[in-house]
N, C-alpha and C. Protein backbone atom coordinates (compact mmCIF):
# COMPACT_ATOMS: atom_id res chain seq x y z
N MET A 1 -18.64 8.53 35.66
CA MET A 1 -18.84 7.23 35.07
C MET A 1 -18.85 7.32 33.54
N GLU A 2 -19.57 8.33 32.97
CA GLU A 2 -19.64 8.50 31.53
C GLU A 2 -18.26 8.82 30.95
N ALA A 3 -17.44 9.60 31.67
CA ALA A 3 -16.10 9.94 31.20
C ALA A 3 -15.25 8.68 31.09
N ASN A 4 -15.36 7.79 32.06
CA ASN A 4 -14.61 6.53 32.02
C ASN A 4 -15.07 5.66 30.85
N LYS A 5 -16.36 5.67 30.57
CA LYS A 5 -16.90 4.89 29.46
C LYS A 5 -16.33 5.42 28.14
N GLY A 6 -16.26 6.77 28.01
CA GLY A 6 -15.69 7.38 26.81
C GLY A 6 -14.23 7.06 26.65
N LEU A 7 -13.47 7.10 27.75
CA LEU A 7 -12.05 6.75 27.69
C LEU A 7 -11.86 5.29 27.30
N MET A 8 -12.71 4.43 27.84
CA MET A 8 -12.61 3.00 27.53
C MET A 8 -12.90 2.75 26.06
N LEU A 9 -13.95 3.40 25.52
CA LEU A 9 -14.27 3.24 24.10
C LEU A 9 -13.15 3.78 23.22
N GLY A 10 -12.58 4.91 23.60
CA GLY A 10 -11.45 5.48 22.86
C GLY A 10 -10.26 4.54 22.85
N ALA A 11 -9.96 3.97 24.01
CA ALA A 11 -8.83 3.03 24.11
C ALA A 11 -9.08 1.79 23.26
N LEU A 12 -10.32 1.31 23.26
CA LEU A 12 -10.66 0.14 22.44
C LEU A 12 -10.52 0.47 20.95
N ALA A 13 -10.96 1.66 20.57
CA ALA A 13 -10.86 2.07 19.17
C ALA A 13 -9.40 2.16 18.72
N VAL A 14 -8.55 2.74 19.56
CA VAL A 14 -7.12 2.83 19.24
C VAL A 14 -6.51 1.44 19.14
N GLY A 15 -6.86 0.56 20.06
CA GLY A 15 -6.35 -0.82 20.04
C GLY A 15 -6.80 -1.56 18.79
N ALA A 16 -8.07 -1.40 18.42
CA ALA A 16 -8.59 -2.06 17.22
C ALA A 16 -7.89 -1.55 15.97
N TYR A 17 -7.67 -0.23 15.90
CA TYR A 17 -6.97 0.35 14.75
C TYR A 17 -5.55 -0.21 14.65
N TYR A 18 -4.85 -0.29 15.79
CA TYR A 18 -3.48 -0.81 15.79
C TYR A 18 -3.47 -2.26 15.30
N LEU A 19 -4.37 -3.09 15.82
CA LEU A 19 -4.41 -4.49 15.41
C LEU A 19 -4.72 -4.61 13.93
N TYR A 20 -5.68 -3.82 13.45
CA TYR A 20 -6.05 -3.86 12.03
C TYR A 20 -4.88 -3.44 11.15
N SER A 21 -4.17 -2.41 11.55
CA SER A 21 -3.08 -1.88 10.72
C SER A 21 -1.86 -2.79 10.72
N THR A 22 -1.73 -3.68 11.70
CA THR A 22 -0.57 -4.57 11.75
C THR A 22 -0.94 -6.00 11.40
N MET A 23 -2.22 -6.26 11.10
CA MET A 23 -2.64 -7.62 10.77
C MET A 23 -2.04 -8.04 9.44
N LYS A 24 -1.70 -9.30 9.39
CA LYS A 24 -1.20 -9.86 8.16
C LYS A 24 -2.25 -10.84 7.66
N GLY A 25 -2.48 -10.81 6.38
CA GLY A 25 -3.56 -11.61 5.84
C GLY A 25 -3.12 -12.60 4.80
N SER A 26 -4.09 -13.27 4.27
CA SER A 26 -3.88 -14.29 3.25
C SER A 26 -3.80 -13.67 1.86
N PRO A 27 -3.12 -14.36 0.95
CA PRO A 27 -3.06 -13.86 -0.42
C PRO A 27 -4.47 -13.87 -1.03
N THR A 28 -4.82 -12.78 -1.71
CA THR A 28 -6.16 -12.64 -2.26
C THR A 28 -6.12 -11.89 -3.58
N TYR A 29 -6.92 -12.38 -4.53
CA TYR A 29 -7.15 -11.65 -5.79
C TYR A 29 -8.41 -10.82 -5.61
N TYR A 30 -8.43 -9.63 -6.23
CA TYR A 30 -9.56 -8.71 -6.13
C TYR A 30 -9.99 -8.27 -7.54
N ASN A 31 -11.30 -8.10 -7.73
CA ASN A 31 -11.78 -7.56 -9.00
C ASN A 31 -11.62 -6.04 -8.98
N ALA A 32 -12.03 -5.38 -10.05
CA ALA A 32 -11.85 -3.93 -10.17
C ALA A 32 -12.65 -3.16 -9.12
N SER A 33 -13.67 -3.78 -8.55
CA SER A 33 -14.47 -3.14 -7.49
C SER A 33 -13.88 -3.37 -6.10
N GLY A 34 -12.78 -4.12 -6.04
CA GLY A 34 -12.14 -4.38 -4.75
C GLY A 34 -12.71 -5.58 -4.01
N GLN A 35 -13.56 -6.37 -4.67
CA GLN A 35 -14.15 -7.55 -4.04
C GLN A 35 -13.23 -8.76 -4.26
N PRO A 36 -13.04 -9.59 -3.24
CA PRO A 36 -12.23 -10.81 -3.42
C PRO A 36 -12.87 -11.73 -4.47
N VAL A 37 -12.03 -12.33 -5.33
CA VAL A 37 -12.52 -13.25 -6.35
C VAL A 37 -11.63 -14.49 -6.41
N THR A 38 -12.24 -15.60 -6.79
CA THR A 38 -11.50 -16.82 -7.08
C THR A 38 -11.76 -17.28 -8.52
N GLU A 39 -12.69 -16.58 -9.18
CA GLU A 39 -13.05 -16.90 -10.56
C GLU A 39 -13.45 -15.61 -11.26
N ILE A 40 -12.95 -15.42 -12.48
CA ILE A 40 -13.24 -14.18 -13.21
C ILE A 40 -13.05 -14.44 -14.70
N GLU A 41 -13.83 -13.73 -15.53
CA GLU A 41 -13.69 -13.86 -16.98
C GLU A 41 -12.52 -13.02 -17.48
N CYS A 42 -11.86 -13.53 -18.53
CA CYS A 42 -10.81 -12.74 -19.17
C CYS A 42 -11.44 -11.46 -19.70
N GLY A 43 -10.63 -10.44 -19.88
CA GLY A 43 -11.13 -9.13 -20.27
C GLY A 43 -11.42 -8.24 -19.08
N ASN A 44 -11.62 -8.86 -17.91
CA ASN A 44 -11.80 -8.10 -16.67
C ASN A 44 -10.44 -7.84 -16.03
N SER A 45 -10.44 -7.02 -15.00
CA SER A 45 -9.20 -6.67 -14.31
C SER A 45 -9.15 -7.29 -12.93
N VAL A 46 -7.95 -7.68 -12.52
CA VAL A 46 -7.73 -8.17 -11.16
C VAL A 46 -6.50 -7.49 -10.58
N SER A 47 -6.48 -7.45 -9.26
CA SER A 47 -5.28 -7.06 -8.54
C SER A 47 -5.00 -8.18 -7.54
N PHE A 48 -3.86 -8.10 -6.89
CA PHE A 48 -3.44 -9.14 -5.95
C PHE A 48 -2.79 -8.47 -4.76
N ASP A 49 -3.07 -9.00 -3.58
CA ASP A 49 -2.47 -8.43 -2.37
C ASP A 49 -2.28 -9.51 -1.32
N VAL A 50 -1.32 -9.28 -0.47
CA VAL A 50 -1.10 -10.07 0.73
C VAL A 50 -1.01 -9.05 1.86
N PRO A 51 -2.17 -8.75 2.50
CA PRO A 51 -2.19 -7.68 3.51
C PRO A 51 -1.11 -7.86 4.57
N GLY A 52 -0.42 -6.76 4.85
CA GLY A 52 0.65 -6.78 5.85
C GLY A 52 2.02 -7.03 5.28
N TYR A 53 2.11 -7.31 3.98
CA TYR A 53 3.39 -7.59 3.34
C TYR A 53 3.58 -6.64 2.16
N LYS A 54 4.81 -6.16 2.00
CA LYS A 54 5.14 -5.30 0.86
C LYS A 54 5.68 -6.11 -0.30
N ARG A 55 6.43 -7.16 0.01
CA ARG A 55 6.98 -8.07 -1.01
C ARG A 55 6.96 -9.46 -0.41
N VAL A 56 6.83 -10.45 -1.28
CA VAL A 56 6.76 -11.84 -0.85
C VAL A 56 7.49 -12.72 -1.86
N TRP A 57 7.67 -13.98 -1.51
CA TRP A 57 8.12 -14.98 -2.45
C TRP A 57 6.84 -15.68 -2.94
N LEU A 58 6.63 -15.69 -4.26
CA LEU A 58 5.41 -16.24 -4.82
C LEU A 58 5.76 -17.42 -5.72
N SER A 59 5.07 -18.54 -5.49
CA SER A 59 5.18 -19.70 -6.37
C SER A 59 3.82 -19.90 -7.02
N GLN A 60 3.78 -19.88 -8.35
CA GLN A 60 2.51 -19.93 -9.08
C GLN A 60 2.54 -21.04 -10.12
N LEU A 61 1.51 -21.88 -10.06
CA LEU A 61 1.28 -22.88 -11.09
C LEU A 61 0.15 -22.38 -11.98
N LYS A 62 0.30 -22.55 -13.29
CA LYS A 62 -0.79 -22.28 -14.23
C LYS A 62 -1.13 -23.60 -14.88
N ASN A 63 -2.37 -24.05 -14.67
CA ASN A 63 -2.82 -25.35 -15.18
C ASN A 63 -1.86 -26.47 -14.79
N GLY A 64 -1.36 -26.41 -13.54
CA GLY A 64 -0.51 -27.46 -13.00
C GLY A 64 0.96 -27.36 -13.35
N GLN A 65 1.35 -26.39 -14.17
CA GLN A 65 2.75 -26.21 -14.56
C GLN A 65 3.33 -24.97 -13.89
N LEU A 66 4.58 -25.06 -13.43
CA LEU A 66 5.22 -23.92 -12.79
C LEU A 66 5.25 -22.74 -13.75
N ASN A 67 4.68 -21.62 -13.33
CA ASN A 67 4.57 -20.43 -14.15
C ASN A 67 5.46 -19.30 -13.63
N PHE A 68 5.65 -19.27 -12.29
CA PHE A 68 6.48 -18.23 -11.68
C PHE A 68 6.93 -18.72 -10.32
N ASP A 69 8.18 -18.44 -9.96
CA ASP A 69 8.71 -18.81 -8.65
C ASP A 69 9.80 -17.81 -8.30
N GLY A 70 9.45 -16.78 -7.50
CA GLY A 70 10.43 -15.77 -7.15
C GLY A 70 9.84 -14.62 -6.38
N ILE A 71 10.60 -13.54 -6.29
CA ILE A 71 10.18 -12.35 -5.55
C ILE A 71 9.02 -11.68 -6.27
N PHE A 72 8.01 -11.33 -5.50
CA PHE A 72 6.84 -10.65 -6.07
C PHE A 72 6.47 -9.49 -5.19
N PRO A 73 6.15 -8.33 -5.71
CA PRO A 73 6.17 -8.01 -7.14
C PRO A 73 7.59 -7.76 -7.63
N MET A 74 7.81 -8.01 -8.90
CA MET A 74 9.14 -7.85 -9.49
C MET A 74 9.39 -6.43 -9.98
N HIS A 75 8.44 -5.86 -10.68
CA HIS A 75 8.67 -4.60 -11.39
C HIS A 75 7.95 -3.40 -10.80
N GLN A 76 7.63 -3.47 -9.53
CA GLN A 76 7.02 -2.33 -8.84
C GLN A 76 7.54 -2.37 -7.41
N PRO A 77 7.41 -1.26 -6.70
CA PRO A 77 8.02 -1.20 -5.38
C PRO A 77 7.40 -2.14 -4.35
N GLU A 78 6.07 -2.32 -4.36
CA GLU A 78 5.48 -3.15 -3.31
C GLU A 78 4.04 -3.52 -3.63
N LEU A 79 3.52 -4.45 -2.84
CA LEU A 79 2.11 -4.84 -2.92
C LEU A 79 1.25 -3.73 -2.36
N PRO A 80 -0.01 -3.60 -2.73
CA PRO A 80 -0.75 -4.48 -3.63
C PRO A 80 -0.40 -4.26 -5.09
N MET A 81 -0.61 -5.31 -5.88
CA MET A 81 -0.38 -5.23 -7.31
C MET A 81 -1.47 -4.35 -7.93
N PRO A 82 -1.11 -3.44 -8.83
CA PRO A 82 -2.15 -2.64 -9.48
C PRO A 82 -3.03 -3.53 -10.36
N LEU A 83 -4.18 -3.00 -10.75
CA LEU A 83 -5.09 -3.76 -11.60
C LEU A 83 -4.40 -4.21 -12.88
N HIS A 84 -4.68 -5.44 -13.27
CA HIS A 84 -4.13 -6.04 -14.48
C HIS A 84 -5.30 -6.56 -15.31
N VAL A 85 -5.38 -6.16 -16.57
CA VAL A 85 -6.44 -6.65 -17.46
C VAL A 85 -6.05 -8.05 -17.94
N LEU A 86 -6.94 -9.01 -17.71
CA LEU A 86 -6.68 -10.40 -18.08
C LEU A 86 -6.89 -10.59 -19.58
N ASN A 87 -5.84 -11.04 -20.25
CA ASN A 87 -5.82 -11.21 -21.70
C ASN A 87 -6.49 -12.54 -22.07
N CYS A 88 -7.48 -12.49 -22.95
CA CYS A 88 -8.21 -13.70 -23.35
C CYS A 88 -7.34 -14.67 -24.15
N ALA A 89 -6.29 -14.19 -24.79
CA ALA A 89 -5.43 -15.06 -25.59
C ALA A 89 -4.39 -15.79 -24.73
N THR A 90 -3.99 -15.20 -23.60
CA THR A 90 -2.87 -15.78 -22.85
C THR A 90 -3.16 -16.10 -21.38
N ASP A 91 -4.18 -15.52 -20.79
CA ASP A 91 -4.36 -15.65 -19.34
C ASP A 91 -5.40 -16.66 -18.89
N ILE A 92 -6.16 -17.27 -19.81
CA ILE A 92 -7.18 -18.24 -19.41
C ILE A 92 -6.50 -19.44 -18.78
N GLY A 93 -7.03 -19.88 -17.63
CA GLY A 93 -6.48 -21.05 -16.95
C GLY A 93 -6.71 -20.99 -15.46
N VAL A 94 -6.15 -21.98 -14.77
CA VAL A 94 -6.27 -22.09 -13.32
C VAL A 94 -4.91 -21.80 -12.71
N TYR A 95 -4.87 -20.80 -11.82
CA TYR A 95 -3.64 -20.37 -11.17
C TYR A 95 -3.68 -20.77 -9.70
N ASP A 96 -2.77 -21.66 -9.32
CA ASP A 96 -2.61 -22.04 -7.92
C ASP A 96 -1.41 -21.29 -7.39
N VAL A 97 -1.61 -20.53 -6.31
CA VAL A 97 -0.58 -19.64 -5.80
C VAL A 97 -0.27 -19.98 -4.34
N ALA A 98 1.01 -20.11 -4.05
CA ALA A 98 1.50 -20.23 -2.67
C ALA A 98 2.41 -19.04 -2.41
N VAL A 99 2.20 -18.38 -1.28
CA VAL A 99 2.96 -17.18 -0.95
C VAL A 99 3.75 -17.42 0.33
N TYR A 100 5.02 -17.04 0.30
CA TYR A 100 5.94 -17.25 1.42
C TYR A 100 6.54 -15.93 1.87
N GLU A 101 6.95 -15.87 3.12
CA GLU A 101 7.70 -14.71 3.60
C GLU A 101 8.99 -14.63 2.80
N LEU A 102 9.46 -13.43 2.56
CA LEU A 102 10.69 -13.21 1.81
C LEU A 102 11.85 -13.09 2.79
N LEU A 103 12.85 -13.92 2.62
CA LEU A 103 14.03 -13.91 3.48
C LEU A 103 15.26 -13.51 2.67
N PHE A 104 16.24 -12.95 3.36
CA PHE A 104 17.53 -12.61 2.74
C PHE A 104 18.63 -13.17 3.61
N ASP A 105 19.65 -13.81 2.98
CA ASP A 105 20.78 -14.33 3.75
C ASP A 105 21.85 -13.24 3.90
N GLU A 106 22.99 -13.61 4.48
CA GLU A 106 24.06 -12.64 4.74
C GLU A 106 24.63 -12.04 3.46
N ASN A 107 24.44 -12.69 2.32
CA ASN A 107 24.90 -12.17 1.03
C ASN A 107 23.81 -11.39 0.31
N ASP A 108 22.69 -11.13 1.02
CA ASP A 108 21.54 -10.41 0.47
C ASP A 108 20.88 -11.17 -0.68
N THR A 109 20.99 -12.51 -0.63
CA THR A 109 20.33 -13.36 -1.61
C THR A 109 18.94 -13.71 -1.08
N ALA A 110 17.93 -13.53 -1.92
CA ALA A 110 16.54 -13.77 -1.52
C ALA A 110 16.23 -15.26 -1.53
N ALA A 111 15.34 -15.64 -0.62
CA ALA A 111 14.86 -17.03 -0.54
C ALA A 111 13.47 -17.03 0.05
N LYS A 112 12.75 -18.13 -0.17
CA LYS A 112 11.41 -18.21 0.41
C LYS A 112 11.51 -18.72 1.83
N GLY A 113 10.70 -18.08 2.68
CA GLY A 113 10.64 -18.45 4.09
C GLY A 113 9.37 -19.21 4.40
N LYS A 114 8.77 -18.87 5.54
CA LYS A 114 7.58 -19.55 6.04
C LYS A 114 6.37 -19.29 5.13
N LEU A 115 5.56 -20.33 4.93
CA LEU A 115 4.35 -20.19 4.12
C LEU A 115 3.39 -19.21 4.79
N ILE A 116 2.93 -18.23 4.02
CA ILE A 116 1.93 -17.27 4.49
C ILE A 116 0.54 -17.81 4.19
N GLY A 117 0.34 -18.30 2.98
CA GLY A 117 -0.96 -18.82 2.60
C GLY A 117 -1.01 -19.19 1.14
N GLN A 118 -2.17 -19.70 0.73
CA GLN A 118 -2.38 -20.14 -0.64
C GLN A 118 -3.71 -19.64 -1.14
N THR A 119 -3.83 -19.51 -2.45
CA THR A 119 -5.10 -19.15 -3.07
C THR A 119 -5.13 -19.70 -4.48
N LYS A 120 -6.29 -19.59 -5.10
CA LYS A 120 -6.47 -20.07 -6.46
C LYS A 120 -7.31 -19.04 -7.21
N LEU A 121 -6.96 -18.82 -8.48
CA LEU A 121 -7.74 -17.96 -9.35
C LEU A 121 -7.98 -18.71 -10.65
N THR A 122 -9.25 -18.79 -11.04
CA THR A 122 -9.60 -19.39 -12.32
C THR A 122 -10.01 -18.26 -13.27
N VAL A 123 -9.29 -18.15 -14.40
CA VAL A 123 -9.60 -17.16 -15.42
C VAL A 123 -10.36 -17.89 -16.52
N LEU A 124 -11.62 -17.49 -16.69
CA LEU A 124 -12.52 -18.14 -17.64
C LEU A 124 -12.52 -17.43 -18.98
N PRO A 125 -12.86 -18.16 -20.06
CA PRO A 125 -13.03 -17.51 -21.36
C PRO A 125 -14.19 -16.51 -21.28
N HIS A 126 -14.14 -15.51 -22.12
CA HIS A 126 -15.21 -14.52 -22.19
C HIS A 126 -16.48 -15.21 -22.67
N ALA A 127 -17.57 -15.01 -21.96
CA ALA A 127 -18.84 -15.69 -22.28
C ALA A 127 -19.49 -15.14 -23.53
């Protein structure tokens, strides 16, 4: 009976690991400690990730104006984005982000696919 219990727990652990490793998540900003954030002061560092995705189509508004619309990340191989220090002169504002699956047509042209999720980050002035 105990051997069956051990096998069952082992099977559950393997199943949980598989589900966790293949789960896809929502777009999230993280502080330098790895905690999710929606508000942070300039001068601090943030990273960005969409668990389960290496690259996405990202549409970003800064203070209501289109700031970026394209393949993300652009200048690195894949997500998560490394830590970025928020500049007090240029980064203060409200960032509304929508993330989409990245699609390619027969000509290998990228396009945005199904919506994955949305998030918001407010970068505050240094107190």
